N, C-alpha and C. Protein backbone atom coordinates (compact mmCIF):
# COMPACT_ATOMS: atom_id res chain seq x y z
N MET A 1 26.94 -17.75 17.81
CA MET A 1 26.69 -16.49 17.15
C MET A 1 25.97 -15.57 18.12
N THR A 2 26.48 -14.37 18.28
CA THR A 2 25.89 -13.39 19.17
C THR A 2 24.79 -12.65 18.42
N LYS A 3 23.66 -12.49 19.06
CA LYS A 3 22.54 -11.82 18.42
C LYS A 3 22.22 -10.52 19.15
N GLN A 4 21.81 -9.53 18.37
CA GLN A 4 21.32 -8.30 18.95
C GLN A 4 19.86 -8.51 19.36
N ARG A 5 19.30 -7.54 20.03
CA ARG A 5 17.90 -7.64 20.46
C ARG A 5 16.97 -7.87 19.28
N SER A 6 17.31 -7.35 18.12
CA SER A 6 16.44 -7.50 16.96
C SER A 6 16.45 -8.91 16.41
N GLY A 7 17.38 -9.74 16.86
CA GLY A 7 17.47 -11.09 16.34
C GLY A 7 18.45 -11.22 15.20
N TRP A 8 19.02 -10.10 14.75
CA TRP A 8 19.98 -10.13 13.66
C TRP A 8 21.39 -10.28 14.23
N PRO A 9 22.27 -11.01 13.53
CA PRO A 9 23.66 -11.09 13.99
C PRO A 9 24.32 -9.72 13.92
N ARG A 10 25.27 -9.48 14.78
CA ARG A 10 26.01 -8.22 14.76
C ARG A 10 26.90 -8.17 13.53
N PRO A 11 27.08 -6.97 12.94
CA PRO A 11 27.98 -6.86 11.80
C PRO A 11 29.37 -7.37 12.16
N GLY A 12 30.00 -8.01 11.18
CA GLY A 12 31.34 -8.53 11.40
C GLY A 12 31.34 -9.94 11.95
N ARG A 13 30.20 -10.44 12.33
CA ARG A 13 30.10 -11.81 12.83
C ARG A 13 29.44 -12.66 11.75
N ALA A 14 29.39 -13.94 12.00
CA ALA A 14 28.79 -14.85 11.02
C ALA A 14 27.39 -14.38 10.67
N GLY A 15 27.14 -14.18 9.39
CA GLY A 15 25.82 -13.76 8.95
C GLY A 15 25.56 -12.28 9.14
N GLY A 16 26.52 -11.55 9.68
CA GLY A 16 26.32 -10.14 10.00
C GLY A 16 26.28 -9.22 8.80
N ASN A 17 26.70 -9.70 7.65
CA ASN A 17 26.69 -8.87 6.46
C ASN A 17 25.61 -9.29 5.49
N ASP A 18 24.54 -9.85 6.00
CA ASP A 18 23.40 -10.29 5.19
C ASP A 18 22.86 -9.09 4.43
N PRO A 19 22.84 -9.14 3.08
CA PRO A 19 22.34 -8.00 2.31
C PRO A 19 20.84 -7.77 2.50
N ASP A 20 20.13 -8.77 2.98
CA ASP A 20 18.69 -8.63 3.20
C ASP A 20 18.36 -8.05 4.57
N ARG A 21 19.38 -7.86 5.39
CA ARG A 21 19.18 -7.36 6.74
C ARG A 21 18.80 -5.88 6.70
N PRO A 22 17.69 -5.51 7.33
CA PRO A 22 17.35 -4.08 7.38
C PRO A 22 18.41 -3.30 8.15
N ARG A 23 18.70 -2.12 7.70
CA ARG A 23 19.70 -1.27 8.34
C ARG A 23 19.01 -0.14 9.09
N LEU A 24 19.45 0.12 10.28
CA LEU A 24 18.95 1.23 11.08
C LEU A 24 20.09 2.19 11.35
N PRO A 25 19.80 3.50 11.40
CA PRO A 25 20.87 4.44 11.73
C PRO A 25 21.33 4.21 13.16
N ARG A 26 22.63 4.38 13.38
CA ARG A 26 23.19 4.16 14.71
C ARG A 26 22.82 5.29 15.67
N VAL A 27 22.79 6.51 15.18
CA VAL A 27 22.50 7.65 16.04
C VAL A 27 21.29 8.38 15.48
N LEU A 28 20.33 8.63 16.33
CA LEU A 28 19.14 9.38 15.92
C LEU A 28 19.27 10.80 16.43
N GLU A 29 19.34 11.74 15.52
CA GLU A 29 19.42 13.13 15.92
C GLU A 29 18.49 13.92 15.03
N SER A 30 18.06 15.05 15.50
CA SER A 30 17.07 15.85 14.80
C SER A 30 17.75 16.97 14.03
N SER A 31 18.40 16.62 12.95
CA SER A 31 19.04 17.62 12.12
C SER A 31 18.08 18.02 11.00
N GLU A 32 18.45 19.04 10.27
CA GLU A 32 17.63 19.48 9.13
C GLU A 32 17.50 18.34 8.11
N LYS A 33 18.57 17.58 7.95
CA LYS A 33 18.54 16.44 7.03
C LYS A 33 17.52 15.39 7.50
N ASP A 34 17.48 15.15 8.81
CA ASP A 34 16.52 14.19 9.37
C ASP A 34 15.09 14.68 9.18
N ILE A 35 14.89 15.97 9.40
CA ILE A 35 13.55 16.54 9.26
C ILE A 35 13.09 16.43 7.81
N GLN A 36 13.99 16.70 6.87
CA GLN A 36 13.65 16.58 5.45
C GLN A 36 13.33 15.12 5.11
N ALA A 37 14.10 14.20 5.65
CA ALA A 37 13.84 12.77 5.41
C ALA A 37 12.47 12.37 5.97
N GLN A 38 12.11 12.91 7.13
CA GLN A 38 10.80 12.63 7.70
C GLN A 38 9.68 13.17 6.82
N ARG A 39 9.88 14.37 6.29
CA ARG A 39 8.87 14.96 5.39
C ARG A 39 8.69 14.10 4.15
N GLU A 40 9.80 13.70 3.56
CA GLU A 40 9.73 12.86 2.36
C GLU A 40 9.06 11.53 2.67
N PHE A 41 9.39 10.95 3.81
CA PHE A 41 8.77 9.70 4.23
C PHE A 41 7.26 9.87 4.38
N ALA A 42 6.84 10.96 5.01
CA ALA A 42 5.42 11.21 5.21
C ALA A 42 4.69 11.32 3.87
N TRP A 43 5.26 12.08 2.94
CA TRP A 43 4.62 12.22 1.63
C TRP A 43 4.59 10.89 0.89
N ARG A 44 5.65 10.13 0.99
CA ARG A 44 5.71 8.83 0.34
C ARG A 44 4.66 7.88 0.92
N LEU A 45 4.51 7.93 2.23
CA LEU A 45 3.53 7.08 2.90
C LEU A 45 2.10 7.46 2.49
N ILE A 46 1.83 8.75 2.41
CA ILE A 46 0.51 9.22 1.97
C ILE A 46 0.25 8.78 0.53
N ALA A 47 1.24 8.96 -0.34
CA ALA A 47 1.08 8.55 -1.74
C ALA A 47 0.86 7.04 -1.84
N LEU A 48 1.60 6.28 -1.06
CA LEU A 48 1.44 4.83 -1.06
C LEU A 48 0.02 4.44 -0.66
N ALA A 49 -0.48 5.03 0.41
CA ALA A 49 -1.83 4.70 0.88
C ALA A 49 -2.87 5.03 -0.19
N ARG A 50 -2.73 6.17 -0.83
CA ARG A 50 -3.69 6.57 -1.87
C ARG A 50 -3.61 5.64 -3.07
N ARG A 51 -2.40 5.34 -3.50
CA ARG A 51 -2.25 4.49 -4.69
C ARG A 51 -2.67 3.05 -4.41
N TRP A 52 -2.37 2.57 -3.22
CA TRP A 52 -2.78 1.21 -2.84
C TRP A 52 -4.31 1.13 -2.82
N THR A 53 -4.95 2.14 -2.22
CA THR A 53 -6.41 2.16 -2.17
C THR A 53 -7.00 2.27 -3.58
N ALA A 54 -6.40 3.11 -4.43
CA ALA A 54 -6.88 3.24 -5.80
C ALA A 54 -6.76 1.91 -6.55
N ARG A 55 -5.65 1.21 -6.35
CA ARG A 55 -5.46 -0.09 -7.00
C ARG A 55 -6.49 -1.10 -6.50
N LEU A 56 -6.75 -1.08 -5.20
CA LEU A 56 -7.79 -1.95 -4.65
C LEU A 56 -9.15 -1.61 -5.24
N ASP A 57 -9.45 -0.32 -5.37
CA ASP A 57 -10.72 0.09 -5.96
C ASP A 57 -10.85 -0.43 -7.39
N GLU A 58 -9.78 -0.33 -8.18
CA GLU A 58 -9.79 -0.86 -9.54
C GLU A 58 -10.10 -2.35 -9.53
N ARG A 59 -9.40 -3.05 -8.67
CA ARG A 59 -9.53 -4.51 -8.60
C ARG A 59 -10.92 -4.94 -8.12
N LEU A 60 -11.50 -4.16 -7.20
CA LEU A 60 -12.77 -4.55 -6.58
C LEU A 60 -13.98 -3.87 -7.22
N ALA A 61 -13.77 -3.09 -8.28
CA ALA A 61 -14.86 -2.35 -8.92
C ALA A 61 -15.96 -3.27 -9.44
N GLU A 62 -15.60 -4.48 -9.83
CA GLU A 62 -16.61 -5.40 -10.38
C GLU A 62 -17.69 -5.75 -9.36
N ASN A 63 -17.41 -5.57 -8.08
CA ASN A 63 -18.41 -5.82 -7.04
C ASN A 63 -19.30 -4.61 -6.80
N GLY A 64 -18.99 -3.49 -7.46
CA GLY A 64 -19.81 -2.29 -7.32
C GLY A 64 -19.68 -1.59 -5.99
N LEU A 65 -18.58 -1.82 -5.29
CA LEU A 65 -18.39 -1.21 -3.98
C LEU A 65 -17.31 -0.14 -4.03
N THR A 66 -17.56 0.97 -3.34
CA THR A 66 -16.52 1.99 -3.18
C THR A 66 -15.53 1.49 -2.13
N SER A 67 -14.38 2.15 -2.04
CA SER A 67 -13.39 1.73 -1.05
C SER A 67 -13.96 1.83 0.36
N ALA A 68 -14.72 2.88 0.63
CA ALA A 68 -15.31 3.01 1.97
C ALA A 68 -16.23 1.84 2.28
N ARG A 69 -17.00 1.42 1.29
CA ARG A 69 -17.96 0.33 1.52
C ARG A 69 -17.28 -1.02 1.65
N TRP A 70 -16.29 -1.31 0.78
CA TRP A 70 -15.68 -2.64 0.92
C TRP A 70 -14.83 -2.73 2.18
N GLN A 71 -14.22 -1.61 2.59
CA GLN A 71 -13.46 -1.63 3.84
C GLN A 71 -14.39 -1.88 5.03
N ALA A 72 -15.50 -1.16 5.07
CA ALA A 72 -16.47 -1.35 6.15
C ALA A 72 -17.00 -2.78 6.14
N LEU A 73 -17.36 -3.27 4.98
CA LEU A 73 -17.90 -4.63 4.87
C LEU A 73 -16.89 -5.66 5.36
N PHE A 74 -15.64 -5.48 4.98
CA PHE A 74 -14.60 -6.41 5.41
C PHE A 74 -14.50 -6.43 6.94
N TRP A 75 -14.41 -5.25 7.57
CA TRP A 75 -14.24 -5.21 9.02
C TRP A 75 -15.49 -5.66 9.77
N ILE A 76 -16.66 -5.40 9.20
CA ILE A 76 -17.89 -5.91 9.81
C ILE A 76 -17.87 -7.43 9.80
N SER A 77 -17.42 -8.01 8.70
CA SER A 77 -17.39 -9.48 8.59
C SER A 77 -16.42 -10.10 9.58
N GLU A 78 -15.37 -9.37 9.93
CA GLU A 78 -14.38 -9.89 10.86
C GLU A 78 -14.94 -10.04 12.28
N GLN A 79 -15.92 -9.22 12.64
CA GLN A 79 -16.52 -9.27 13.98
C GLN A 79 -18.03 -9.25 13.85
N ASP A 80 -18.53 -10.07 12.98
CA ASP A 80 -19.94 -10.08 12.61
C ASP A 80 -20.87 -10.14 13.82
N GLY A 81 -21.76 -9.16 13.89
CA GLY A 81 -22.77 -9.14 14.94
C GLY A 81 -22.34 -8.54 16.25
N THR A 82 -21.05 -8.24 16.39
CA THR A 82 -20.57 -7.71 17.67
C THR A 82 -19.95 -6.33 17.54
N VAL A 83 -19.82 -5.83 16.33
CA VAL A 83 -19.12 -4.57 16.11
C VAL A 83 -20.14 -3.44 15.90
N THR A 84 -19.80 -2.26 16.40
CA THR A 84 -20.68 -1.10 16.24
C THR A 84 -20.19 -0.22 15.10
N GLN A 85 -21.08 0.67 14.66
CA GLN A 85 -20.70 1.62 13.62
C GLN A 85 -19.51 2.45 14.05
N GLN A 86 -19.49 2.88 15.30
CA GLN A 86 -18.39 3.70 15.80
C GLN A 86 -17.07 2.93 15.77
N GLN A 87 -17.09 1.66 16.14
CA GLN A 87 -15.87 0.86 16.11
C GLN A 87 -15.34 0.72 14.69
N ILE A 88 -16.24 0.54 13.73
CA ILE A 88 -15.81 0.45 12.32
C ILE A 88 -15.25 1.79 11.88
N ALA A 89 -15.91 2.89 12.24
CA ALA A 89 -15.40 4.22 11.88
C ALA A 89 -14.01 4.44 12.45
N ASP A 90 -13.80 4.05 13.71
CA ASP A 90 -12.49 4.19 14.33
C ASP A 90 -11.45 3.32 13.63
N ARG A 91 -11.82 2.11 13.29
CA ARG A 91 -10.89 1.17 12.65
C ARG A 91 -10.43 1.69 11.29
N ILE A 92 -11.38 2.24 10.54
CA ILE A 92 -11.06 2.73 9.19
C ILE A 92 -10.46 4.13 9.24
N GLY A 93 -10.80 4.88 10.29
CA GLY A 93 -10.26 6.23 10.42
C GLY A 93 -11.12 7.29 9.76
N VAL A 94 -12.45 7.14 9.86
CA VAL A 94 -13.36 8.13 9.30
C VAL A 94 -14.28 8.65 10.41
N ALA A 95 -14.93 9.77 10.12
CA ALA A 95 -15.86 10.36 11.07
C ALA A 95 -17.11 9.49 11.21
N SER A 96 -17.75 9.58 12.35
CA SER A 96 -18.97 8.81 12.60
C SER A 96 -20.04 9.09 11.56
N SER A 97 -20.20 10.37 11.19
CA SER A 97 -21.23 10.73 10.20
C SER A 97 -20.94 10.10 8.84
N THR A 98 -19.67 10.02 8.49
CA THR A 98 -19.29 9.36 7.23
C THR A 98 -19.64 7.88 7.30
N MET A 99 -19.37 7.26 8.44
CA MET A 99 -19.66 5.84 8.58
C MET A 99 -21.16 5.58 8.52
N VAL A 100 -21.96 6.47 9.08
CA VAL A 100 -23.42 6.30 9.02
C VAL A 100 -23.87 6.24 7.56
N ARG A 101 -23.38 7.15 6.73
CA ARG A 101 -23.74 7.15 5.30
C ARG A 101 -23.25 5.89 4.60
N THR A 102 -22.04 5.45 4.96
CA THR A 102 -21.50 4.22 4.36
C THR A 102 -22.37 3.03 4.72
N ILE A 103 -22.73 2.91 5.98
CA ILE A 103 -23.56 1.79 6.42
C ILE A 103 -24.95 1.89 5.81
N ASP A 104 -25.48 3.12 5.68
CA ASP A 104 -26.77 3.29 5.01
C ASP A 104 -26.73 2.68 3.61
N GLY A 105 -25.66 2.98 2.87
CA GLY A 105 -25.51 2.44 1.51
C GLY A 105 -25.41 0.93 1.50
N LEU A 106 -24.63 0.37 2.41
CA LEU A 106 -24.50 -1.09 2.49
C LEU A 106 -25.84 -1.74 2.85
N GLU A 107 -26.57 -1.08 3.72
CA GLU A 107 -27.87 -1.61 4.13
C GLU A 107 -28.87 -1.55 2.96
N GLN A 108 -28.86 -0.45 2.22
CA GLN A 108 -29.75 -0.31 1.06
C GLN A 108 -29.47 -1.36 -0.01
N HIS A 109 -28.21 -1.78 -0.11
CA HIS A 109 -27.85 -2.82 -1.08
C HIS A 109 -28.02 -4.23 -0.52
N GLY A 110 -28.55 -4.32 0.69
CA GLY A 110 -28.82 -5.63 1.28
C GLY A 110 -27.58 -6.38 1.74
N LEU A 111 -26.51 -5.64 2.09
CA LEU A 111 -25.25 -6.29 2.46
C LEU A 111 -25.01 -6.33 3.97
N VAL A 112 -25.62 -5.42 4.71
CA VAL A 112 -25.48 -5.43 6.17
C VAL A 112 -26.84 -5.22 6.83
N LYS A 113 -26.90 -5.64 8.08
CA LYS A 113 -28.09 -5.40 8.91
C LYS A 113 -27.64 -4.70 10.18
N ARG A 114 -28.46 -3.75 10.61
CA ARG A 114 -28.24 -3.08 11.88
C ARG A 114 -29.16 -3.70 12.93
N ALA A 115 -28.67 -3.75 14.15
CA ALA A 115 -29.49 -4.20 15.28
C ALA A 115 -29.09 -3.36 16.49
N GLY A 116 -30.03 -3.08 17.34
CA GLY A 116 -29.72 -2.33 18.55
C GLY A 116 -28.74 -3.10 19.42
N SER A 117 -27.77 -2.41 19.95
CA SER A 117 -26.77 -3.04 20.82
C SER A 117 -27.40 -3.39 22.16
N LYS A 118 -27.08 -4.57 22.64
CA LYS A 118 -27.58 -4.99 23.95
C LYS A 118 -26.84 -4.26 25.07
N GLU A 119 -25.59 -3.88 24.83
CA GLU A 119 -24.78 -3.20 25.85
C GLU A 119 -25.03 -1.70 25.90
N ASP A 120 -25.31 -1.10 24.74
CA ASP A 120 -25.45 0.35 24.67
C ASP A 120 -26.64 0.67 23.77
N LYS A 121 -27.71 1.13 24.35
CA LYS A 121 -28.95 1.39 23.61
C LYS A 121 -28.78 2.48 22.54
N ARG A 122 -27.74 3.29 22.65
CA ARG A 122 -27.50 4.35 21.66
C ARG A 122 -26.77 3.83 20.44
N ALA A 123 -26.22 2.63 20.50
CA ALA A 123 -25.38 2.10 19.43
C ALA A 123 -26.10 1.00 18.65
N ASN A 124 -25.65 0.82 17.41
CA ASN A 124 -26.11 -0.29 16.58
C ASN A 124 -24.97 -1.26 16.37
N THR A 125 -25.27 -2.54 16.46
CA THR A 125 -24.29 -3.54 16.05
C THR A 125 -24.58 -3.89 14.60
N LEU A 126 -23.55 -4.34 13.91
CA LEU A 126 -23.66 -4.61 12.48
C LEU A 126 -23.34 -6.06 12.19
N SER A 127 -24.05 -6.61 11.22
CA SER A 127 -23.75 -7.96 10.76
C SER A 127 -23.94 -8.02 9.26
N ILE A 128 -23.25 -8.95 8.64
CA ILE A 128 -23.35 -9.10 7.19
C ILE A 128 -24.54 -9.99 6.86
N THR A 129 -25.02 -9.85 5.63
CA THR A 129 -26.11 -10.68 5.13
C THR A 129 -25.53 -11.79 4.27
N PRO A 130 -26.34 -12.77 3.89
CA PRO A 130 -25.85 -13.80 2.96
C PRO A 130 -25.35 -13.21 1.63
N ALA A 131 -25.97 -12.12 1.18
CA ALA A 131 -25.51 -11.48 -0.06
C ALA A 131 -24.08 -10.96 0.10
N ALA A 132 -23.77 -10.41 1.27
CA ALA A 132 -22.41 -9.91 1.52
C ALA A 132 -21.43 -11.07 1.62
N ALA A 133 -21.85 -12.13 2.28
CA ALA A 133 -20.97 -13.30 2.42
C ALA A 133 -20.55 -13.82 1.05
N ALA A 134 -21.46 -13.71 0.08
CA ALA A 134 -21.16 -14.21 -1.26
C ALA A 134 -20.07 -13.40 -1.96
N ILE A 135 -19.95 -12.11 -1.66
CA ILE A 135 -18.92 -11.31 -2.34
C ILE A 135 -17.65 -11.12 -1.51
N LEU A 136 -17.70 -11.47 -0.24
CA LEU A 136 -16.52 -11.28 0.62
C LEU A 136 -15.32 -12.09 0.15
N ASP A 137 -15.53 -13.29 -0.37
CA ASP A 137 -14.41 -14.07 -0.88
C ASP A 137 -13.74 -13.35 -2.04
N ASP A 138 -14.54 -12.73 -2.92
CA ASP A 138 -13.98 -11.95 -4.03
C ASP A 138 -13.19 -10.76 -3.50
N ILE A 139 -13.71 -10.11 -2.47
CA ILE A 139 -13.02 -8.96 -1.88
C ILE A 139 -11.68 -9.40 -1.30
N ARG A 140 -11.69 -10.48 -0.54
CA ARG A 140 -10.44 -10.97 0.06
C ARG A 140 -9.44 -11.40 -1.02
N GLU A 141 -9.94 -12.09 -2.04
CA GLU A 141 -9.06 -12.54 -3.13
C GLU A 141 -8.44 -11.34 -3.85
N GLY A 142 -9.25 -10.33 -4.15
CA GLY A 142 -8.74 -9.13 -4.81
C GLY A 142 -7.75 -8.38 -3.94
N ALA A 143 -8.06 -8.26 -2.66
CA ALA A 143 -7.16 -7.57 -1.73
C ALA A 143 -5.84 -8.32 -1.59
N ASP A 144 -5.90 -9.65 -1.54
CA ASP A 144 -4.67 -10.45 -1.46
C ASP A 144 -3.82 -10.28 -2.71
N ALA A 145 -4.47 -10.24 -3.88
CA ALA A 145 -3.72 -10.07 -5.13
C ALA A 145 -3.01 -8.72 -5.16
N VAL A 146 -3.69 -7.68 -4.74
CA VAL A 146 -3.07 -6.34 -4.72
C VAL A 146 -1.96 -6.29 -3.69
N ARG A 147 -2.18 -6.90 -2.54
CA ARG A 147 -1.12 -6.95 -1.51
C ARG A 147 0.13 -7.59 -2.08
N LYS A 148 -0.03 -8.68 -2.83
CA LYS A 148 1.13 -9.35 -3.43
C LYS A 148 1.80 -8.46 -4.46
N GLU A 149 1.01 -7.71 -5.23
CA GLU A 149 1.58 -6.77 -6.21
C GLU A 149 2.42 -5.71 -5.50
N VAL A 150 1.88 -5.15 -4.44
CA VAL A 150 2.53 -4.04 -3.74
C VAL A 150 3.78 -4.50 -2.99
N LEU A 151 3.64 -5.59 -2.27
CA LEU A 151 4.76 -6.04 -1.42
C LEU A 151 5.79 -6.85 -2.19
N GLY A 152 5.39 -7.43 -3.31
CA GLY A 152 6.32 -8.14 -4.17
C GLY A 152 7.30 -9.01 -3.43
N GLU A 153 8.57 -8.76 -3.67
CA GLU A 153 9.64 -9.57 -3.09
C GLU A 153 10.29 -8.90 -1.87
N ILE A 154 9.55 -8.04 -1.21
CA ILE A 154 10.10 -7.38 -0.02
C ILE A 154 10.31 -8.43 1.06
N HIS A 155 11.48 -8.40 1.66
CA HIS A 155 11.87 -9.39 2.67
C HIS A 155 10.92 -9.32 3.88
N PRO A 156 10.51 -10.47 4.42
CA PRO A 156 9.62 -10.48 5.59
C PRO A 156 10.13 -9.65 6.77
N ALA A 157 11.44 -9.61 6.96
CA ALA A 157 12.00 -8.80 8.06
C ALA A 157 11.76 -7.31 7.82
N GLU A 158 11.84 -6.89 6.56
CA GLU A 158 11.58 -5.49 6.24
C GLU A 158 10.11 -5.15 6.46
N ILE A 159 9.24 -6.08 6.10
CA ILE A 159 7.81 -5.88 6.32
C ILE A 159 7.52 -5.80 7.81
N ALA A 160 8.14 -6.68 8.59
CA ALA A 160 7.95 -6.66 10.05
C ALA A 160 8.41 -5.34 10.64
N MET A 161 9.54 -4.82 10.16
CA MET A 161 10.05 -3.54 10.66
C MET A 161 9.09 -2.41 10.29
N CYS A 162 8.62 -2.40 9.05
CA CYS A 162 7.66 -1.38 8.63
C CYS A 162 6.38 -1.47 9.45
N ASP A 163 5.96 -2.68 9.75
CA ASP A 163 4.75 -2.86 10.55
C ASP A 163 4.94 -2.26 11.94
N MET A 164 6.10 -2.48 12.54
CA MET A 164 6.37 -1.90 13.86
C MET A 164 6.36 -0.37 13.80
N VAL A 165 6.98 0.18 12.77
CA VAL A 165 7.06 1.63 12.63
C VAL A 165 5.67 2.22 12.40
N THR A 166 4.90 1.63 11.50
CA THR A 166 3.57 2.18 11.23
C THR A 166 2.64 2.02 12.43
N GLU A 167 2.81 0.96 13.19
CA GLU A 167 2.01 0.80 14.41
C GLU A 167 2.32 1.92 15.40
N LYS A 168 3.61 2.26 15.54
CA LYS A 168 3.99 3.37 16.42
C LYS A 168 3.40 4.69 15.91
N MET A 169 3.42 4.86 14.59
CA MET A 169 2.87 6.08 14.01
C MET A 169 1.37 6.18 14.27
N LEU A 170 0.66 5.07 14.09
CA LEU A 170 -0.78 5.06 14.37
C LEU A 170 -1.06 5.35 15.84
N THR A 171 -0.24 4.78 16.71
CA THR A 171 -0.38 5.04 18.15
C THR A 171 -0.15 6.51 18.45
N ASN A 172 0.87 7.12 17.83
CA ASN A 172 1.14 8.54 18.02
C ASN A 172 -0.03 9.40 17.56
N LEU A 173 -0.61 9.05 16.41
CA LEU A 173 -1.75 9.80 15.90
C LEU A 173 -2.95 9.70 16.83
N LEU A 174 -3.21 8.50 17.31
CA LEU A 174 -4.32 8.30 18.23
C LEU A 174 -4.10 9.08 19.53
N ALA A 175 -2.88 9.05 20.04
CA ALA A 175 -2.56 9.80 21.26
C ALA A 175 -2.73 11.30 21.03
N ALA A 176 -2.29 11.78 19.88
CA ALA A 176 -2.43 13.21 19.57
C ALA A 176 -3.90 13.58 19.45
N LYS A 177 -4.68 12.73 18.81
CA LYS A 177 -6.12 12.98 18.67
C LYS A 177 -6.79 12.99 20.04
N ASN A 178 -6.47 12.02 20.86
CA ASN A 178 -7.05 11.95 22.20
C ASN A 178 -6.59 13.12 23.06
N GLY A 179 -5.34 13.54 22.89
CA GLY A 179 -4.84 14.70 23.62
C GLY A 179 -5.57 15.96 23.22
N ALA A 180 -5.88 16.09 21.93
CA ALA A 180 -6.62 17.25 21.45
C ALA A 180 -8.04 17.23 22.00
N LYS A 181 -8.64 16.04 22.08
CA LYS A 181 -9.98 15.93 22.65
C LYS A 181 -9.95 16.31 24.13
N ASP A 182 -8.94 15.81 24.84
CA ASP A 182 -8.82 16.10 26.27
C ASP A 182 -8.61 17.59 26.52
N ALA A 183 -7.82 18.22 25.65
CA ALA A 183 -7.53 19.65 25.80
C ALA A 183 -8.79 20.48 25.56
N GLY A 184 -9.69 19.97 24.71
CA GLY A 184 -10.92 20.70 24.41
C GLY A 184 -12.01 20.51 25.43
N ASP A 185 -11.84 19.60 26.35
CA ASP A 185 -12.88 19.32 27.37
C ASP A 185 -12.94 20.38 28.42
């Protein structure tokens, strides 16, 4: 069986008509129809992100955390003691000042501790407290349940393709942001 670079059999060959196989357009051109499809995709993606976050907030409300706080807490726990406020802000996609307020709230609730960074005296590293560790399993369990609701029976190959596309989109956004910073220097 001959395989394309994507790993899928070519159409017309054994397995080539798999109904679960993601389809890609053969020719990419920038027509008005393509531009409209991109606009619709962008709005759909924005709506998905908002609704997914809202569903997570509903599910995780029993822990008394806002989406900003549980997201920060989750990422701090992933690199406990080695991550800075700025790195968490970049990971979540919020301004540094917003992250400072978020971390202030987590610290006031006894969920995180700040410590001066050994590498950069201007930065704080963050670590979770035992109180945070106690609720992180609930956060992960709730997030996993919502992920299963959202992704349902979507084929793993479709998820992999979406992951590649969204990674490229995030890379494009970061490059555009960095280009804007460079242009302002």
